[in-house]
Structures are given as structure tokens and as C-alpha cells.
Amino acid sequence: MNTAATQKTKIALGLLLGFAIGALCRWTGVPSPAPPVLAGALLVVAMTLGYIATDRWFAKREARHRHLCGGPDGSLKRSPKALAD
């Protein structure tokens, strides 16, 4: 499956899950976790768009502290002595 198809599948599943939760809440009488007014719904959309935009922005930035990152076992790429210099 390519990335475009994967992205479309995730969006479709997210929408389906959202509708299912809303319908289940309405059917059982449980208060919906979504805001009941337009301003609240727009706030949720704005937060989601901000989250996505920030995620994409950080993905394009150069990692400034890559030299400090360890491997899977936690070992440093350089010795701690070289980092102190």
C-alpha cells in the first residue's frame, strides 16, 4: 500500500470512528465528548490543524542535537569525553 492510499485509509477510518462514537453516545444517552456549539467545533479543528502544521514543520527542520542521541542500546555515538570538549 502506498503512502497516499494509507493516508486516505487513515482519514476514512478516523471519520468512521468519529461517527460511530457520536452515534453510540446519542443512542446510549451518554454526553458526547465533542463540543455542542460551532465555536467549540472550530476550536477542535484549529487545534488539529495546528498540530499537523507543527508536526510537518518540525519534520523539515535539521536536528540540532543529533550528536547527543544514543543508539537503540543507549550508547553514545561519541565518547562522553569528546562531548565535554
C-alpha atoms as a PDB file:
ATOM      1  CA  MET A   1       0.000   0.000   0.000  1.00  0.00           C
ATOM      2  CA  ASN A   2       1.486   3.378  -0.942  1.00  0.00           C
ATOM      3  CA  THR A   3       1.527   6.405   1.338  1.00  0.00           C
ATOM      4  CA  ALA A   4      -1.393   8.166  -0.406  1.00  0.00           C
ATOM      5  CA  ALA A   5      -3.616   5.117  -0.001  1.00  0.00           C
ATOM      6  CA  THR A   6      -2.511   4.700   3.613  1.00  0.00           C
ATOM      7  CA  GLN A   7      -3.314   8.365   4.338  1.00  0.00           C
ATOM      8  CA  LYS A   8      -6.774   8.060   2.761  1.00  0.00           C
ATOM      9  CA  THR A   9      -7.444   4.880   4.734  1.00  0.00           C
ATOM     10  CA  LYS A  10      -6.479   6.600   7.996  1.00  0.00           C
ATOM     11  CA  ILE A  11      -8.761   9.553   7.233  1.00  0.00           C
ATOM     12  CA  ALA A  12     -11.672   7.273   6.354  1.00  0.00           C
ATOM     13  CA  LEU A  13     -11.193   5.175   9.497  1.00  0.00           C
ATOM     14  CA  GLY A  14     -10.937   8.320  11.630  1.00  0.00           C
ATOM     15  CA  LEU A  15     -14.176   9.710  10.233  1.00  0.00           C
ATOM     16  CA  LEU A  16     -15.906   6.352  10.614  1.00  0.00           C
ATOM     17  CA  LEU A  17     -14.739   6.072  14.216  1.00  0.00           C
ATOM     18  CA  GLY A  18     -15.898   9.632  14.943  1.00  0.00           C
ATOM     19  CA  PHE A  19     -19.359   8.971  13.535  1.00  0.00           C
ATOM     20  CA  ALA A  20     -19.557   5.663  15.412  1.00  0.00           C
ATOM     21  CA  ILE A  21     -18.662   7.287  18.740  1.00  0.00           C
ATOM     22  CA  GLY A  22     -21.157  10.098  18.137  1.00  0.00           C
ATOM     23  CA  ALA A  23     -23.933   7.659  17.216  1.00  0.00           C
ATOM     24  CA  LEU A  24     -23.156   5.414  20.192  1.00  0.00           C
ATOM     25  CA  CYS A  25     -23.197   8.385  22.570  1.00  0.00           C
ATOM     26  CA  ARG A  26     -26.523   9.566  21.154  1.00  0.00           C
ATOM     27  CA  TRP A  27     -28.068   6.079  21.260  1.00  0.00           C
ATOM     28  CA  THR A  28     -26.989   5.354  24.855  1.00  0.00           C
ATOM     29  CA  GLY A  29     -27.678   8.856  26.174  1.00  0.00           C
ATOM     30  CA  VAL A  30     -24.066   9.429  27.223  1.00  0.00           C
ATOM     31  CA  PRO A  31     -22.941  13.050  26.772  1.00  0.00           C
ATOM     32  CA  SER A  32     -20.897  13.431  23.608  1.00  0.00           C
ATOM     33  CA  PRO A  33     -17.203  14.204  24.076  1.00  0.00           C
ATOM     34  CA  ALA A  34     -17.446  16.754  21.235  1.00  0.00           C
ATOM     35  CA  PRO A  35     -18.326  20.412  21.834  1.00  0.00           C
ATOM     36  CA  PRO A  36     -22.025  21.107  21.136  1.00  0.00           C
ATOM     37  CA  VAL A  37     -21.529  24.602  19.663  1.00  0.00           C
ATOM     38  CA  LEU A  38     -19.882  25.825  16.474  1.00  0.00           C
ATOM     39  CA  ALA A  39     -17.169  27.789  18.279  1.00  0.00           C
ATOM     40  CA  GLY A  40     -16.097  24.661  20.168  1.00  0.00           C
ATOM     41  CA  ALA A  41     -16.045  22.603  16.993  1.00  0.00           C
ATOM     42  CA  LEU A  42     -13.923  25.251  15.258  1.00  0.00           C
ATOM     43  CA  LEU A  43     -11.547  25.193  18.222  1.00  0.00           C
ATOM     44  CA  VAL A  44     -11.094  21.440  17.768  1.00  0.00           C
ATOM     45  CA  VAL A  45     -10.431  21.937  14.037  1.00  0.00           C
ATOM     46  CA  ALA A  46      -7.942  24.742  14.743  1.00  0.00           C
ATOM     47  CA  MET A  47      -6.083  22.635  17.307  1.00  0.00           C
ATOM     48  CA  THR A  48      -5.912  19.718  14.870  1.00  0.00           C
ATOM     49  CA  LEU A  49      -4.604  21.908  12.055  1.00  0.00           C
ATOM     50  CA  GLY A  50      -2.041  23.467  14.393  1.00  0.00           C
ATOM     51  CA  TYR A  51      -0.875  20.024  15.487  1.00  0.00           C
ATOM     52  CA  ILE A  52      -0.493  18.850  11.888  1.00  0.00           C
ATOM     53  CA  ALA A  53       1.279  22.053  10.776  1.00  0.00           C
ATOM     54  CA  THR A  54       3.728  21.907  13.682  1.00  0.00           C
ATOM     55  CA  ASP A  55       4.440  18.252  13.037  1.00  0.00           C
ATOM     56  CA  ARG A  56       5.248  18.952   9.393  1.00  0.00           C
ATOM     57  CA  TRP A  57       7.362  21.998  10.282  1.00  0.00           C
ATOM     58  CA  PHE A  58       9.460  20.056  12.801  1.00  0.00           C
ATOM     59  CA  ALA A  59       9.931  17.195  10.338  1.00  0.00           C
ATOM     60  CA  LYS A  60      11.629  19.588   7.887  1.00  0.00           C
ATOM     61  CA  ARG A  61      13.980  21.167  10.441  1.00  0.00           C
ATOM     62  CA  GLU A  62      17.536  19.998  10.891  1.00  0.00           C
ATOM     63  CA  ALA A  63      18.107  18.121  14.136  1.00  0.00           C
ATOM     64  CA  ARG A  64      20.442  20.362  16.154  1.00  0.00           C
ATOM     65  CA  HIS A  65      21.266  17.835  18.885  1.00  0.00           C
ATOM     66  CA  ARG A  66      21.687  14.709  16.790  1.00  0.00           C
ATOM     67  CA  HIS A  67      25.221  14.215  18.101  1.00  0.00           C
ATOM     68  CA  LEU A  68      23.821  13.767  21.621  1.00  0.00           C
ATOM     69  CA  CYS A  69      21.420  10.980  20.662  1.00  0.00           C
ATOM     70  CA  GLY A  70      22.236   7.418  21.565  1.00  0.00           C
ATOM     71  CA  GLY A  71      21.575   4.262  19.664  1.00  0.00           C
ATOM     72  CA  PRO A  72      18.978   1.584  20.482  1.00  0.00           C
ATOM     73  CA  ASP A  73      21.081   0.397  23.417  1.00  0.00           C
ATOM     74  CA  GLY A  74      21.624   3.946  24.763  1.00  0.00           C
ATOM     75  CA  SER A  75      25.278   4.127  23.784  1.00  0.00           C
ATOM     76  CA  LEU A  76      26.566   7.465  22.540  1.00  0.00           C
ATOM     77  CA  LYS A  77      27.957   7.893  19.049  1.00  0.00           C
ATOM     78  CA  ARG A  78      30.915   9.747  20.581  1.00  0.00           C
ATOM     79  CA  SER A  79      32.565   9.238  23.898  1.00  0.00           C
ATOM     80  CA  PRO A  80      31.357  11.459  26.772  1.00  0.00           C
ATOM     81  CA  LYS A  81      34.883  12.893  26.971  1.00  0.00           C
ATOM     82  CA  ALA A  82      34.636  14.172  23.376  1.00  0.00           C
ATOM     83  CA  LEU A  83      31.310  15.812  24.187  1.00  0.00           C
ATOM     84  CA  ALA A  84      32.843  17.764  27.080  1.00  0.00           C
ATOM     85  CA  ASP A  85      35.486  19.320  24.800  1.00  0.00           C
END
